């Protein structure tokens, strides 16, 4: 049951990324058809690149956050053993 849910979520994620790519291509074509300027097309390409990077880079971002959180954690303290003998303290 859990494996099938993971497979379904994986397929839905792939479908969502594919739909985002098609929407990005449609936005680029639409901006060219409506505005007919290179600057509008470049703006849409940059926006589409940012959105697609945000969708696809979740694993990379999770690794970077884990590294940062690990860097802020205090160091592991090891126990210190001190041996004291009676010869250390003269009477």
N, C-alpha and C. Protein backbone atom coordinates (compact mmCIF):
# COMPACT_ATOMS: atom_id res chain seq x y z
N UNK A 1 0.82 -1.20 0.00
CA UNK A 1 0.00 0.00 0.00
C UNK A 1 0.86 1.26 0.00
N UNK A 2 1.92 1.27 0.85
CA UNK A 2 2.78 2.45 0.92
C UNK A 2 3.59 2.59 -0.37
N UNK A 3 4.05 1.49 -0.92
CA UNK A 3 4.82 1.56 -2.16
C UNK A 3 3.96 2.10 -3.30
N UNK A 4 2.73 1.70 -3.37
CA UNK A 4 1.88 2.20 -4.44
C UNK A 4 1.60 3.68 -4.26
N UNK A 5 1.46 4.14 -3.02
CA UNK A 5 1.25 5.57 -2.79
C UNK A 5 2.49 6.36 -3.22
N UNK A 6 3.68 5.84 -2.92
CA UNK A 6 4.91 6.51 -3.33
C UNK A 6 5.03 6.56 -4.85
N UNK A 7 4.63 5.48 -5.51
CA UNK A 7 4.68 5.44 -6.97
C UNK A 7 3.71 6.46 -7.55
N UNK A 8 2.51 6.55 -6.97
CA UNK A 8 1.51 7.49 -7.46
C UNK A 8 1.99 8.93 -7.27
N UNK A 9 2.58 9.22 -6.11
CA UNK A 9 3.09 10.56 -5.86
C UNK A 9 4.24 10.88 -6.82
N UNK A 10 5.09 9.90 -7.08
CA UNK A 10 6.18 10.11 -8.03
C UNK A 10 5.67 10.41 -9.43
N UNK A 11 4.64 9.67 -9.85
CA UNK A 11 4.06 9.92 -11.17
C UNK A 11 3.38 11.28 -11.24
N UNK A 12 2.70 11.67 -10.16
CA UNK A 12 2.05 12.98 -10.14
C UNK A 12 3.08 14.10 -10.15
N UNK A 13 4.20 13.90 -9.48
CA UNK A 13 5.26 14.91 -9.49
C UNK A 13 5.83 15.06 -10.89
N UNK A 14 6.07 13.94 -11.55
CA UNK A 14 6.57 13.98 -12.93
C UNK A 14 5.56 14.66 -13.85
N UNK A 15 4.29 14.37 -13.66
CA UNK A 15 3.24 15.00 -14.46
C UNK A 15 3.20 16.51 -14.22
N UNK A 16 3.35 16.92 -12.97
CA UNK A 16 3.33 18.35 -12.65
C UNK A 16 4.52 19.08 -13.27
N UNK A 17 5.69 18.45 -13.23
CA UNK A 17 6.87 19.07 -13.85
C UNK A 17 6.68 19.18 -15.36
N UNK A 18 6.16 18.12 -15.97
CA UNK A 18 5.89 18.17 -17.41
C UNK A 18 4.88 19.25 -17.76
N UNK A 19 3.84 19.39 -16.96
CA UNK A 19 2.85 20.43 -17.20
C UNK A 19 3.47 21.82 -17.03
N UNK A 20 4.36 21.98 -16.05
CA UNK A 20 5.01 23.27 -15.85
C UNK A 20 5.90 23.63 -17.04
N UNK A 21 6.57 22.64 -17.59
CA UNK A 21 7.41 22.89 -18.78
C UNK A 21 6.54 23.31 -19.96
N UNK A 22 5.43 22.62 -20.17
CA UNK A 22 4.53 22.99 -21.27
C UNK A 22 3.93 24.38 -21.07
N UNK A 23 3.58 24.71 -19.84
CA UNK A 23 3.04 26.04 -19.56
C UNK A 23 4.11 27.10 -19.80
N UNK A 24 5.36 26.81 -19.43
CA UNK A 24 6.45 27.76 -19.67
C UNK A 24 6.66 27.99 -21.16
N UNK A 25 6.62 26.92 -21.94
CA UNK A 25 6.75 27.07 -23.39
C UNK A 25 5.59 27.88 -23.94
N UNK A 26 4.39 27.61 -23.46
CA UNK A 26 3.22 28.38 -23.89
C UNK A 26 3.33 29.85 -23.53
N UNK A 27 3.85 30.15 -22.33
CA UNK A 27 4.03 31.55 -21.94
C UNK A 27 5.03 32.25 -22.84
N UNK A 28 6.10 31.56 -23.20
CA UNK A 28 7.11 32.17 -24.07
C UNK A 28 6.52 32.45 -25.45
N UNK A 29 5.81 31.47 -26.01
CA UNK A 29 5.19 31.69 -27.32
C UNK A 29 4.13 32.79 -27.27
N UNK A 30 3.33 32.81 -26.22
CA UNK A 30 2.28 33.82 -26.09
C UNK A 30 2.88 35.22 -25.98
N UNK A 31 3.98 35.35 -25.21
CA UNK A 31 4.59 36.67 -25.09
C UNK A 31 5.16 37.14 -26.42
N UNK A 32 5.65 36.22 -27.24
CA UNK A 32 6.16 36.61 -28.55
C UNK A 32 5.02 37.01 -29.48
N UNK A 33 3.92 36.26 -29.42
CA UNK A 33 2.79 36.57 -30.30
C UNK A 33 2.11 37.89 -29.92
N UNK A 34 2.06 38.20 -28.64
CA UNK A 34 1.35 39.40 -28.21
C UNK A 34 2.24 40.64 -28.29
N UNK A 35 3.46 40.57 -27.79
CA UNK A 35 4.31 41.75 -27.68
C UNK A 35 5.23 41.95 -28.88
N UNK A 36 5.73 40.87 -29.46
CA UNK A 36 6.69 40.93 -30.57
C UNK A 36 7.96 41.69 -30.21
N UNK A 37 8.37 41.60 -28.94
CA UNK A 37 9.62 42.22 -28.52
C UNK A 37 10.49 41.17 -27.86
N UNK A 38 11.78 41.33 -28.07
CA UNK A 38 12.74 40.37 -27.51
C UNK A 38 12.82 40.52 -25.99
N UNK A 39 12.69 41.76 -25.50
CA UNK A 39 12.80 41.97 -24.05
C UNK A 39 11.68 41.27 -23.29
N UNK A 40 10.47 41.26 -23.82
CA UNK A 40 9.37 40.56 -23.16
C UNK A 40 9.62 39.06 -23.15
N UNK A 41 10.13 38.54 -24.25
CA UNK A 41 10.41 37.11 -24.34
C UNK A 41 11.53 36.72 -23.37
N UNK A 42 12.57 37.56 -23.29
CA UNK A 42 13.67 37.27 -22.35
C UNK A 42 13.16 37.30 -20.91
N UNK A 43 12.29 38.26 -20.60
CA UNK A 43 11.71 38.32 -19.26
C UNK A 43 10.92 37.07 -18.92
N UNK A 44 10.14 36.59 -19.87
CA UNK A 44 9.34 35.39 -19.64
C UNK A 44 10.26 34.16 -19.53
N UNK A 45 11.31 34.12 -20.32
CA UNK A 45 12.26 32.99 -20.23
C UNK A 45 12.93 32.97 -18.86
N UNK A 46 13.33 34.14 -18.35
CA UNK A 46 13.95 34.19 -17.03
C UNK A 46 12.96 33.76 -15.95
N UNK A 47 11.73 34.24 -16.03
CA UNK A 47 10.71 33.85 -15.06
C UNK A 47 10.45 32.35 -15.11
N UNK A 48 10.34 31.81 -16.32
CA UNK A 48 10.11 30.37 -16.47
C UNK A 48 11.28 29.57 -15.93
N UNK A 49 12.50 30.05 -16.15
CA UNK A 49 13.68 29.34 -15.64
C UNK A 49 13.69 29.33 -14.11
N UNK A 50 13.32 30.44 -13.49
CA UNK A 50 13.28 30.51 -12.03
C UNK A 50 12.23 29.57 -11.48
N UNK A 51 11.05 29.56 -12.10
CA UNK A 51 9.97 28.69 -11.62
C UNK A 51 10.34 27.22 -11.80
N UNK A 52 10.88 26.86 -12.96
CA UNK A 52 11.25 25.47 -13.19
C UNK A 52 12.40 25.03 -12.28
N UNK A 53 13.34 25.93 -11.99
CA UNK A 53 14.41 25.60 -11.06
C UNK A 53 13.84 25.35 -9.66
N UNK A 54 12.89 26.20 -9.26
CA UNK A 54 12.29 26.03 -7.93
C UNK A 54 11.53 24.72 -7.83
N UNK A 55 10.92 24.28 -8.91
CA UNK A 55 10.18 23.02 -8.89
C UNK A 55 11.14 21.84 -8.86
N UNK A 56 12.20 21.89 -9.65
CA UNK A 56 13.07 20.73 -9.82
C UNK A 56 14.19 20.62 -8.79
N UNK A 57 14.52 21.68 -8.09
CA UNK A 57 15.69 21.67 -7.23
C UNK A 57 15.35 21.39 -5.76
N UNK A 58 14.27 20.72 -5.49
CA UNK A 58 13.89 20.50 -4.10
C UNK A 58 14.91 19.61 -3.38
N UNK A 59 15.44 18.59 -4.04
CA UNK A 59 16.44 17.73 -3.39
C UNK A 59 17.71 18.52 -3.07
N UNK A 60 18.14 19.34 -4.01
CA UNK A 60 19.33 20.15 -3.80
C UNK A 60 19.13 21.12 -2.64
N UNK A 61 17.95 21.76 -2.60
CA UNK A 61 17.68 22.70 -1.52
C UNK A 61 17.60 22.00 -0.17
N UNK A 62 17.02 20.80 -0.13
CA UNK A 62 16.95 20.06 1.13
C UNK A 62 18.35 19.70 1.63
N UNK A 63 19.25 19.33 0.72
CA UNK A 63 20.63 19.02 1.12
C UNK A 63 21.33 20.27 1.66
N UNK A 64 21.14 21.41 1.02
CA UNK A 64 21.77 22.64 1.48
C UNK A 64 21.24 23.05 2.85
N UNK A 65 19.94 22.92 3.07
CA UNK A 65 19.36 23.26 4.37
C UNK A 65 19.90 22.32 5.44
N UNK A 66 20.01 21.04 5.11
CA UNK A 66 20.55 20.08 6.08
C UNK A 66 22.00 20.42 6.43
N UNK A 67 22.79 20.84 5.44
CA UNK A 67 24.17 21.24 5.72
C UNK A 67 24.21 22.46 6.63
N UNK A 68 23.34 23.44 6.36
CA UNK A 68 23.32 24.65 7.16
C UNK A 68 22.86 24.37 8.59
N UNK A 69 21.86 23.54 8.73
CA UNK A 69 21.37 23.21 10.07
C UNK A 69 22.43 22.44 10.83
N UNK A 70 23.13 21.54 10.15
CA UNK A 70 24.21 20.80 10.79
C UNK A 70 25.37 21.70 11.19
N UNK A 71 25.61 22.76 10.41
CA UNK A 71 26.70 23.67 10.71
C UNK A 71 26.40 24.51 11.95
N UNK A 72 25.11 24.76 12.22
CA UNK A 72 24.74 25.56 13.37
C UNK A 72 24.60 24.75 14.65
N UNK A 73 24.62 23.44 14.54
CA UNK A 73 24.46 22.59 15.72
C UNK A 73 25.72 22.68 16.58
N UNK A 74 25.55 22.63 17.89
CA UNK A 74 26.73 22.67 18.76
C UNK A 74 27.56 21.40 18.58
N UNK A 75 28.86 21.49 18.82
CA UNK A 75 29.70 20.30 18.66
C UNK A 75 29.34 19.23 19.69
N UNK A 76 29.59 18.01 19.31
CA UNK A 76 29.30 16.90 20.21
C UNK A 76 30.32 16.92 21.34
N UNK A 77 29.82 16.87 22.57
CA UNK A 77 30.72 16.91 23.72
C UNK A 77 31.06 15.49 24.14
N UNK A 78 32.34 15.26 24.30
CA UNK A 78 32.77 13.93 24.74
C UNK A 78 33.08 13.99 26.23
N UNK A 79 32.80 12.93 26.96
CA UNK A 79 33.08 12.95 28.40
C UNK A 79 34.59 12.96 28.66
N UNK A 80 34.98 13.69 29.68
CA UNK A 80 36.38 13.79 30.06
C UNK A 80 36.57 13.03 31.37
N UNK A 81 37.53 12.14 31.38
CA UNK A 81 37.81 11.35 32.57
C UNK A 81 39.10 11.87 33.19
N UNK A 82 39.03 12.25 34.47
CA UNK A 82 40.20 12.74 35.18
C UNK A 82 40.50 11.76 36.30
N UNK A 83 41.70 11.25 36.33
CA UNK A 83 42.09 10.33 37.37
C UNK A 83 42.87 11.10 38.44
N UNK A 84 42.43 10.96 39.65
CA UNK A 84 43.07 11.64 40.77
C UNK A 84 43.61 10.58 41.72
N UNK A 85 44.88 10.75 42.11
CA UNK A 85 45.47 9.81 43.08
C UNK A 85 45.79 10.58 44.36
N UNK A 86 46.04 9.86 45.41
CA UNK A 86 46.33 10.50 46.68
C UNK A 86 47.70 11.18 46.69
N UNK A 87 48.57 10.81 45.79
CA UNK A 87 49.89 11.44 45.73
C UNK A 87 49.84 12.83 45.12
N UNK A 88 48.74 13.17 44.49
CA UNK A 88 48.61 14.49 43.89
C UNK A 88 48.41 15.57 44.97
N UNK A 89 47.89 15.21 46.13
CA UNK A 89 47.60 16.16 47.18
C UNK A 89 48.47 15.85 48.41
N UNK A 90 49.52 16.62 48.67
CA UNK A 90 50.34 16.34 49.85
C UNK A 90 49.61 16.74 51.13
N UNK A 91 49.83 16.00 52.16
CA UNK A 91 49.16 16.25 53.44
C UNK A 91 50.05 17.02 54.36
